[in-house]
Every structure is written in structure tokens, then in C-alpha cells.
């Protein structure tokens, strides 16, 4: 049980006062007393500091939205350009029709597979 007080604030948690020592709680307290959050006693009613931080928040959200939109539009255009470059034309379709020999091999292997499946289901 002496491990946790050592991690979060020193060797003895009962004797430590708030705001003393290098602990997670004292770091949080010093951060919360900074200018980024509401001052203690304002009650969260939204003072002048709140509107400034809200404006900054909306600017950050707007810049993130713009960045995301630009990223996806540039990605989509790159994919569309590469897909258009690799589209087959009418000449490649003519050569992609299987020949008679290829069709004969395909159907003979298909028939052999059907025979083996029929044998496996009838024997086992």
C-alpha cells in the first residue's frame, strides 16, 4: 500500500498538503490556476476568460475541419486520377475474352471439382 502514495505524491500521502511537492495533484492544481481555465469562484457562469477560450476553441475546430476537408478532397482527387489512368480501353477488353482452350480448361477443372465434391459427400 506504500506504492501508490509514492507514485502520486511522495512517501506519505496523509502528511502531504495540497499544492506541495511534485505530484500529479499539485501539477493539476497549478495548471488549473493558469489562464486557460476559469478562475476559482466564477462558478462556471461564463466570464470574459470563457468567451476568449471558446473563441480559440472554435478557431481550432474550424481549422481542423478545413484541414480534414482539404485532406479528403486531395485524397479523392488522387484516387480518381489514378483510377482514370488505369481504366481499360476497348482494345484491352477485346483481349480479355477467354479463348476456347481456356474455357475448356476452366470447365474441365470445374467438372473435376464437382466430381470430387460429389464423392466426398457420398462416401463420408
C-alpha atoms as a PDB file:
ATOM      1  CA  UNK A   1       0.000   0.000   0.000  1.00  0.00           C
ATOM      2  CA  UNK A   2       3.018   2.314   0.171  1.00  0.00           C
ATOM      3  CA  UNK A   3       3.479   2.096  -3.587  1.00  0.00           C
ATOM      4  CA  UNK A   4       0.537   4.287  -4.640  1.00  0.00           C
ATOM      5  CA  UNK A   5       1.350   7.266  -2.404  1.00  0.00           C
ATOM      6  CA  UNK A   6       4.905   7.140  -3.744  1.00  0.00           C
ATOM      7  CA  UNK A   7       3.607   7.324  -7.287  1.00  0.00           C
ATOM      8  CA  UNK A   8       1.126  10.129  -6.759  1.00  0.00           C
ATOM      9  CA  UNK A   9       2.761  12.439  -4.319  1.00  0.00           C
ATOM     10  CA  UNK A  10       5.625  11.340  -2.168  1.00  0.00           C
ATOM     11  CA  UNK A  11       6.225   8.825   0.554  1.00  0.00           C
ATOM     12  CA  UNK A  12       3.353   9.729   2.904  1.00  0.00           C
ATOM     13  CA  UNK A  13       0.032  10.823   1.429  1.00  0.00           C
ATOM     14  CA  UNK A  14      -1.538  11.875   4.777  1.00  0.00           C
ATOM     15  CA  UNK A  15       1.154  14.423   5.639  1.00  0.00           C
ATOM     16  CA  UNK A  16       1.227  15.994   2.175  1.00  0.00           C
ATOM     17  CA  UNK A  17      -0.651  19.260   1.878  1.00  0.00           C
ATOM     18  CA  UNK A  18      -2.360  20.294  -1.349  1.00  0.00           C
ATOM     19  CA  UNK A  19      -0.084  22.329  -3.554  1.00  0.00           C
ATOM     20  CA  UNK A  20       3.151  20.979  -2.034  1.00  0.00           C
ATOM     21  CA  UNK A  21       5.655  18.632  -3.640  1.00  0.00           C
ATOM     22  CA  UNK A  22       5.890  17.269  -7.128  1.00  0.00           C
ATOM     23  CA  UNK A  23       2.757  15.221  -7.561  1.00  0.00           C
ATOM     24  CA  UNK A  24       0.066  14.784 -10.102  1.00  0.00           C
ATOM     25  CA  UNK A  25      -2.429  16.661  -7.957  1.00  0.00           C
ATOM     26  CA  UNK A  26      -0.135  19.640  -7.411  1.00  0.00           C
ATOM     27  CA  UNK A  27       0.647  19.760 -11.135  1.00  0.00           C
ATOM     28  CA  UNK A  28      -3.084  19.751 -11.900  1.00  0.00           C
ATOM     29  CA  UNK A  29      -3.751  22.473  -9.346  1.00  0.00           C
ATOM     30  CA  UNK A  30      -1.029  24.689 -10.791  1.00  0.00           C
ATOM     31  CA  UNK A  31      -2.419  24.076 -14.291  1.00  0.00           C
ATOM     32  CA  UNK A  32      -5.986  24.835 -13.246  1.00  0.00           C
ATOM     33  CA  UNK A  33      -4.895  28.142 -11.714  1.00  0.00           C
ATOM     34  CA  UNK A  34      -3.426  29.195 -15.071  1.00  0.00           C
ATOM     35  CA  UNK A  35      -5.162  31.486 -17.563  1.00  0.00           C
ATOM     36  CA  UNK A  36      -6.565  28.676 -19.765  1.00  0.00           C
ATOM     37  CA  UNK A  37      -9.410  27.755 -17.429  1.00  0.00           C
ATOM     38  CA  UNK A  38     -11.958  29.655 -15.374  1.00  0.00           C
ATOM     39  CA  UNK A  39     -10.770  31.319 -12.211  1.00  0.00           C
ATOM     40  CA  UNK A  40     -11.931  29.744  -8.931  1.00  0.00           C
ATOM     41  CA  UNK A  41     -15.093  31.345  -7.656  1.00  0.00           C
ATOM     42  CA  UNK A  42     -16.520  32.219 -11.039  1.00  0.00           C
ATOM     43  CA  UNK A  43     -18.946  29.337 -10.644  1.00  0.00           C
ATOM     44  CA  UNK A  44     -18.865  28.403 -14.292  1.00  0.00           C
ATOM     45  CA  UNK A  45     -21.217  31.219 -15.238  1.00  0.00           C
ATOM     46  CA  UNK A  46     -19.097  32.138 -18.235  1.00  0.00           C
ATOM     47  CA  UNK A  47     -16.877  35.135 -17.642  1.00  0.00           C
ATOM     48  CA  UNK A  48     -14.629  37.016 -20.042  1.00  0.00           C
ATOM     49  CA  UNK A  49     -11.969  34.285 -19.933  1.00  0.00           C
ATOM     50  CA  UNK A  50     -14.525  31.729 -21.043  1.00  0.00           C
ATOM     51  CA  UNK A  51     -15.506  33.595 -24.190  1.00  0.00           C
ATOM     52  CA  UNK A  52     -11.860  34.018 -25.187  1.00  0.00           C
ATOM     53  CA  UNK A  53     -11.126  30.314 -24.740  1.00  0.00           C
ATOM     54  CA  UNK A  54     -14.356  29.435 -26.565  1.00  0.00           C
ATOM     55  CA  UNK A  55     -13.360  31.628 -29.492  1.00  0.00           C
ATOM     56  CA  UNK A  56      -9.988  29.890 -29.620  1.00  0.00           C
ATOM     57  CA  UNK A  57     -11.734  26.536 -29.449  1.00  0.00           C
ATOM     58  CA  UNK A  58     -13.989  27.392 -32.390  1.00  0.00           C
ATOM     59  CA  UNK A  59     -10.984  28.606 -34.394  1.00  0.00           C
ATOM     60  CA  UNK A  60      -9.198  25.324 -33.689  1.00  0.00           C
ATOM     61  CA  UNK A  61     -12.265  23.318 -34.686  1.00  0.00           C
ATOM     62  CA  UNK A  62     -12.668  25.362 -37.857  1.00  0.00           C
ATOM     63  CA  UNK A  63      -9.014  24.882 -38.820  1.00  0.00           C
ATOM     64  CA  UNK A  64      -9.290  21.141 -38.138  1.00  0.00           C
ATOM     65  CA  UNK A  65     -12.418  20.977 -40.305  1.00  0.00           C
ATOM     66  CA  UNK A  66     -10.667  22.838 -43.111  1.00  0.00           C
ATOM     67  CA  UNK A  67      -7.616  20.583 -42.862  1.00  0.00           C
ATOM     68  CA  UNK A  68      -9.771  17.438 -42.903  1.00  0.00           C
ATOM     69  CA  UNK A  69     -11.817  18.650 -45.863  1.00  0.00           C
ATOM     70  CA  UNK A  70      -8.674  19.522 -47.829  1.00  0.00           C
ATOM     71  CA  UNK A  71      -7.099  16.187 -46.957  1.00  0.00           C
ATOM     72  CA  UNK A  72     -10.077  14.137 -48.102  1.00  0.00           C
ATOM     73  CA  UNK A  73     -10.645  16.160 -51.260  1.00  0.00           C
ATOM     74  CA  UNK A  74      -6.982  15.860 -52.290  1.00  0.00           C
ATOM     75  CA  UNK A  75      -7.010  12.132 -51.498  1.00  0.00           C
ATOM     76  CA  UNK A  76     -10.196  11.630 -53.502  1.00  0.00           C
ATOM     77  CA  UNK A  77      -8.813  13.519 -56.481  1.00  0.00           C
ATOM     78  CA  UNK A  78      -5.580  11.489 -56.386  1.00  0.00           C
ATOM     79  CA  UNK A  79      -7.504   8.207 -56.304  1.00  0.00           C
ATOM     80  CA  UNK A  80      -9.816   9.374 -59.068  1.00  0.00           C
ATOM     81  CA  UNK A  81      -6.868  10.396 -61.268  1.00  0.00           C
ATOM     82  CA  UNK A  82      -5.079   7.078 -60.778  1.00  0.00           C
ATOM     83  CA  UNK A  83      -8.280   5.136 -61.418  1.00  0.00           C
ATOM     84  CA  UNK A  84      -8.906   7.085 -64.610  1.00  0.00           C
ATOM     85  CA  UNK A  85      -5.338   6.414 -65.754  1.00  0.00           C
ATOM     86  CA  UNK A  86      -5.745   2.672 -65.208  1.00  0.00           C
ATOM     87  CA  UNK A  87      -9.161   2.291 -66.831  1.00  0.00           C
ATOM     88  CA  UNK A  88      -9.044  -0.258 -69.626  1.00  0.00           C
ATOM     89  CA  UNK A  89      -9.879   0.919 -73.095  1.00  0.00           C
ATOM     90  CA  UNK A  90     -11.746  -1.041 -75.760  1.00  0.00           C
ATOM     91  CA  UNK A  91      -8.578  -2.778 -77.002  1.00  0.00           C
ATOM     92  CA  UNK A  92      -7.901  -4.475 -73.676  1.00  0.00           C
ATOM     93  CA  UNK A  93     -11.491  -5.725 -73.481  1.00  0.00           C
ATOM     94  CA  UNK A  94     -11.060  -7.491 -76.799  1.00  0.00           C
ATOM     95  CA  UNK A  95      -8.034  -9.382 -75.467  1.00  0.00           C
ATOM     96  CA  UNK A  96      -9.623 -10.236 -72.132  1.00  0.00           C
ATOM     97  CA  UNK A  97     -12.246 -12.560 -73.689  1.00  0.00           C
ATOM     98  CA  UNK A  98     -11.133 -16.134 -72.923  1.00  0.00           C
ATOM     99  CA  UNK A  99     -10.122 -18.360 -75.766  1.00  0.00           C
ATOM    100  CA  UNK A 100     -11.708 -21.756 -76.490  1.00  0.00           C
ATOM    101  CA  UNK A 101      -8.791 -23.597 -74.906  1.00  0.00           C
ATOM    102  CA  UNK A 102      -9.036 -21.502 -71.713  1.00  0.00           C
ATOM    103  CA  UNK A 103     -12.773 -22.177 -71.495  1.00  0.00           C
ATOM    104  CA  UNK A 104     -12.189 -25.920 -71.991  1.00  0.00           C
ATOM    105  CA  UNK A 105      -9.654 -25.994 -69.149  1.00  0.00           C
ATOM    106  CA  UNK A 106     -11.959 -23.978 -66.885  1.00  0.00           C
ATOM    107  CA  UNK A 107     -14.978 -26.236 -67.397  1.00  0.00           C
ATOM    108  CA  UNK A 108     -12.943 -29.446 -67.119  1.00  0.00           C
ATOM    109  CA  UNK A 109     -11.470 -28.322 -63.782  1.00  0.00           C
ATOM    110  CA  UNK A 110     -14.943 -27.238 -62.670  1.00  0.00           C
ATOM    111  CA  UNK A 111     -16.330 -30.674 -63.567  1.00  0.00           C
ATOM    112  CA  UNK A 112     -13.471 -32.438 -61.771  1.00  0.00           C
ATOM    113  CA  UNK A 113     -14.162 -30.360 -58.656  1.00  0.00           C
ATOM    114  CA  UNK A 114     -17.831 -31.267 -58.873  1.00  0.00           C
ATOM    115  CA  UNK A 115     -16.955 -34.959 -59.123  1.00  0.00           C
ATOM    116  CA  UNK A 116     -14.677 -34.762 -56.075  1.00  0.00           C
ATOM    117  CA  UNK A 117     -17.323 -32.907 -54.052  1.00  0.00           C
ATOM    118  CA  UNK A 118     -19.951 -35.486 -55.016  1.00  0.00           C
ATOM    119  CA  UNK A 119     -17.619 -38.308 -53.992  1.00  0.00           C
ATOM    120  CA  UNK A 120     -16.762 -36.672 -50.684  1.00  0.00           C
ATOM    121  CA  UNK A 121     -20.415 -36.146 -49.746  1.00  0.00           C
ATOM    122  CA  UNK A 122     -21.485 -39.672 -50.785  1.00  0.00           C
ATOM    123  CA  UNK A 123     -18.565 -41.501 -49.134  1.00  0.00           C
ATOM    124  CA  UNK A 124     -18.330 -39.511 -45.942  1.00  0.00           C
END
